[in-house]
Amino acid sequence: MGESVAGLSDDAPLRIRRPSPFDFADKVTPAAPHWPPMPPPQPVTVIHLHPAAPPKPAWGQPCNGCGVCCAWQPCPLGVLVSRRRHGACDALRWHGDGPSPHYRCAMVAAPQQVWPWLPRGLRPAVQALARRWIAAGAGCDCDAEASATD
């Protein structure tokens, strides 16, 4: 067999690799064994909720107080309250008494429980801000996939 383009013989296998957005012109990477590549495994975050908490509703369905969203990551106000960007929000409160136990945001229900120094006149503004940042009344906006473990 004769030589062909770039010095390859006609019977040699030719590997074609599609460029990745992470490729750089000065870096040569080996060909991927499979195309399309498998997506990387998603990280698993374990959150602890009360066993009587209602199951997480589907995205867009009305909130039922399951607590998954606030236990998973805080909203912008929750970042201020908790002083961290990841993990359960410090304003998440369990309301287990009554016919339907559920979680609620203390910054909406009673901000003085979380910030005792908050002046009484600012409480309605903080409550309105909290309702806005948790999208109260807009339905579940948490895209986490929740599953119970033993």
Protein backbone atom coordinates (compact mmCIF):
# COMPACT_ATOMS: atom_id res chain seq x y z
CA MET A 1 0.00 0.00 0.00
CA GLY A 2 1.26 3.43 -0.84
CA GLU A 3 1.70 6.48 1.31
CA SER A 4 -1.17 8.96 1.60
CA VAL A 5 -1.70 12.33 3.21
CA ALA A 6 0.39 13.12 6.31
CA GLY A 7 2.45 9.96 5.93
CA LEU A 8 -0.36 7.54 6.88
CA SER A 9 -0.86 4.37 4.90
CA ASP A 10 -4.23 3.74 3.29
CA ASP A 11 -5.02 0.82 5.61
CA ALA A 12 -4.07 2.57 8.89
CA PRO A 13 -7.03 3.45 11.14
CA LEU A 14 -7.71 7.15 11.33
CA ARG A 15 -8.94 8.57 14.60
CA ILE A 16 -10.94 11.75 14.49
CA ARG A 17 -11.53 13.54 17.74
CA ARG A 18 -14.02 16.33 18.10
CA PRO A 19 -12.65 19.41 19.88
CA SER A 20 -13.70 20.04 23.44
CA PRO A 21 -14.35 23.51 24.87
CA PHE A 22 -11.55 22.69 27.32
CA ASP A 23 -8.95 22.08 24.60
CA PHE A 24 -6.23 24.63 24.09
CA ALA A 25 -4.13 25.11 20.96
CA ASP A 26 -0.85 24.49 22.78
CA LYS A 27 -1.98 21.22 24.37
CA VAL A 28 -2.25 17.88 22.58
CA THR A 29 -4.71 15.43 24.07
CA PRO A 30 -5.19 11.76 23.16
CA ALA A 31 -8.27 10.69 21.29
CA ALA A 32 -11.31 9.92 23.40
CA PRO A 33 -12.21 6.22 23.40
CA HIS A 34 -15.95 6.88 23.02
CA TRP A 35 -17.98 9.66 21.50
CA PRO A 36 -19.99 11.27 22.91
CA PRO A 37 -18.19 11.10 26.24
CA MET A 38 -20.15 10.14 29.30
CA PRO A 39 -21.04 13.09 31.52
CA PRO A 40 -19.15 13.24 34.79
CA PRO A 41 -20.98 11.77 37.77
CA GLN A 42 -22.98 14.37 39.67
CA PRO A 43 -21.88 15.02 43.24
CA VAL A 44 -24.17 13.67 45.90
CA THR A 45 -25.04 15.90 48.81
CA VAL A 46 -26.58 14.32 51.87
CA ILE A 47 -29.06 16.51 53.71
CA HIS A 48 -30.79 15.59 56.94
CA LEU A 49 -34.50 16.30 57.26
CA HIS A 50 -37.13 15.35 59.78
CA PRO A 51 -38.60 11.90 58.99
CA ALA A 52 -42.13 13.37 59.03
CA ALA A 53 -41.27 16.03 56.42
CA PRO A 54 -43.44 15.85 53.31
CA PRO A 55 -41.81 14.55 50.11
CA LYS A 56 -40.32 17.09 47.72
CA PRO A 57 -42.87 18.25 45.13
CA ALA A 58 -42.09 18.25 41.42
CA TRP A 59 -40.50 21.37 39.98
CA GLY A 60 -43.14 24.09 39.56
CA GLN A 61 -45.67 22.48 41.90
CA PRO A 62 -46.83 24.39 45.01
CA CYS A 63 -44.45 24.37 47.96
CA ASN A 64 -45.40 21.89 50.66
CA GLY A 65 -42.70 22.76 53.19
CA CYS A 66 -40.47 19.76 52.48
CA GLY A 67 -37.32 21.76 53.35
CA VAL A 68 -35.11 20.22 50.65
CA CYS A 69 -34.25 23.54 49.00
CA CYS A 70 -33.20 25.35 52.19
CA ALA A 71 -31.40 22.32 53.61
CA TRP A 72 -29.50 21.92 50.34
CA GLN A 73 -28.35 25.52 49.80
CA PRO A 74 -29.38 28.88 51.20
CA CYS A 75 -31.06 31.67 49.24
CA PRO A 76 -29.25 35.05 49.07
CA LEU A 77 -30.78 36.15 52.39
CA GLY A 78 -29.92 32.75 53.86
CA VAL A 79 -26.28 33.34 52.89
CA LEU A 80 -26.36 36.47 55.08
CA VAL A 81 -28.18 34.68 57.87
CA SER A 82 -25.97 31.57 57.84
CA ARG A 83 -22.74 33.32 56.83
CA ARG A 84 -22.02 30.55 54.31
CA ARG A 85 -22.90 29.76 50.69
CA HIS A 86 -23.38 26.00 51.02
CA GLY A 87 -25.26 23.75 53.39
CA ALA A 88 -28.44 24.15 55.37
CA CYS A 89 -29.77 27.62 56.05
CA ASP A 90 -29.86 28.66 59.70
CA ALA A 91 -33.33 30.17 59.19
CA LEU A 92 -34.93 26.81 58.29
CA ARG A 93 -37.39 25.89 61.04
CA TRP A 94 -39.35 22.68 61.63
CA HIS A 95 -43.03 23.03 62.54
CA GLY A 96 -44.01 19.55 63.68
CA ASP A 97 -47.09 20.39 65.69
CA GLY A 98 -50.41 20.40 63.93
CA PRO A 99 -52.06 18.24 61.29
CA SER A 100 -49.45 18.87 58.58
CA PRO A 101 -45.84 19.04 59.80
CA HIS A 102 -43.57 21.11 57.55
CA TYR A 103 -40.50 23.34 57.29
CA ARG A 104 -40.76 27.13 57.04
CA CYS A 105 -38.32 30.00 56.65
CA ALA A 106 -37.99 31.93 59.90
CA MET A 107 -37.03 35.05 57.95
CA VAL A 108 -40.57 35.02 56.50
CA ALA A 109 -42.46 33.86 59.58
CA ALA A 110 -40.54 35.51 62.44
CA PRO A 111 -37.24 37.21 61.53
CA GLN A 112 -36.70 38.25 65.16
CA GLN A 113 -36.02 34.57 65.97
CA VAL A 114 -32.96 34.65 63.71
CA TRP A 115 -31.94 38.29 64.11
CA PRO A 116 -33.06 39.38 67.59
CA TRP A 117 -31.36 42.75 67.08
CA LEU A 118 -33.56 43.57 64.04
CA PRO A 119 -35.69 46.67 64.76
CA ARG A 120 -39.44 46.01 64.76
CA GLY A 121 -39.97 48.56 61.98
CA LEU A 122 -37.65 46.68 59.58
CA ARG A 123 -39.26 43.26 60.07
CA PRO A 124 -41.90 43.71 57.31
CA ALA A 125 -39.20 44.73 54.82
CA VAL A 126 -37.03 41.73 55.72
CA GLN A 127 -40.06 39.43 55.46
CA ALA A 128 -40.91 40.82 52.00
CA LEU A 129 -37.29 40.41 50.89
CA ALA A 130 -37.25 36.83 52.17
CA ARG A 131 -40.50 36.00 50.35
CA ARG A 132 -39.01 37.43 47.15
CA TRP A 133 -35.73 35.50 47.43
CA ILE A 134 -37.37 32.16 48.18
CA ALA A 135 -39.92 32.75 45.39
CA ALA A 136 -42.82 32.30 47.78
CA GLY A 137 -46.02 31.54 45.88
CA ALA A 138 -44.20 30.75 42.62
CA GLY A 139 -43.97 26.99 43.15
CA CYS A 140 -41.04 24.69 43.79
CA ASP A 141 -37.91 26.00 42.11
CA CYS A 142 -35.49 23.46 43.57
CA ASP A 143 -34.04 21.21 40.90
CA ALA A 144 -32.37 18.81 43.32
CA GLU A 145 -33.35 15.18 43.01
CA ALA A 146 -34.29 14.05 46.49
CA SER A 147 -34.42 10.45 47.62
CA ALA A 148 -34.73 8.96 51.07
CA THR A 149 -32.00 6.80 52.52
CA ASP A 150 -32.04 4.43 55.44
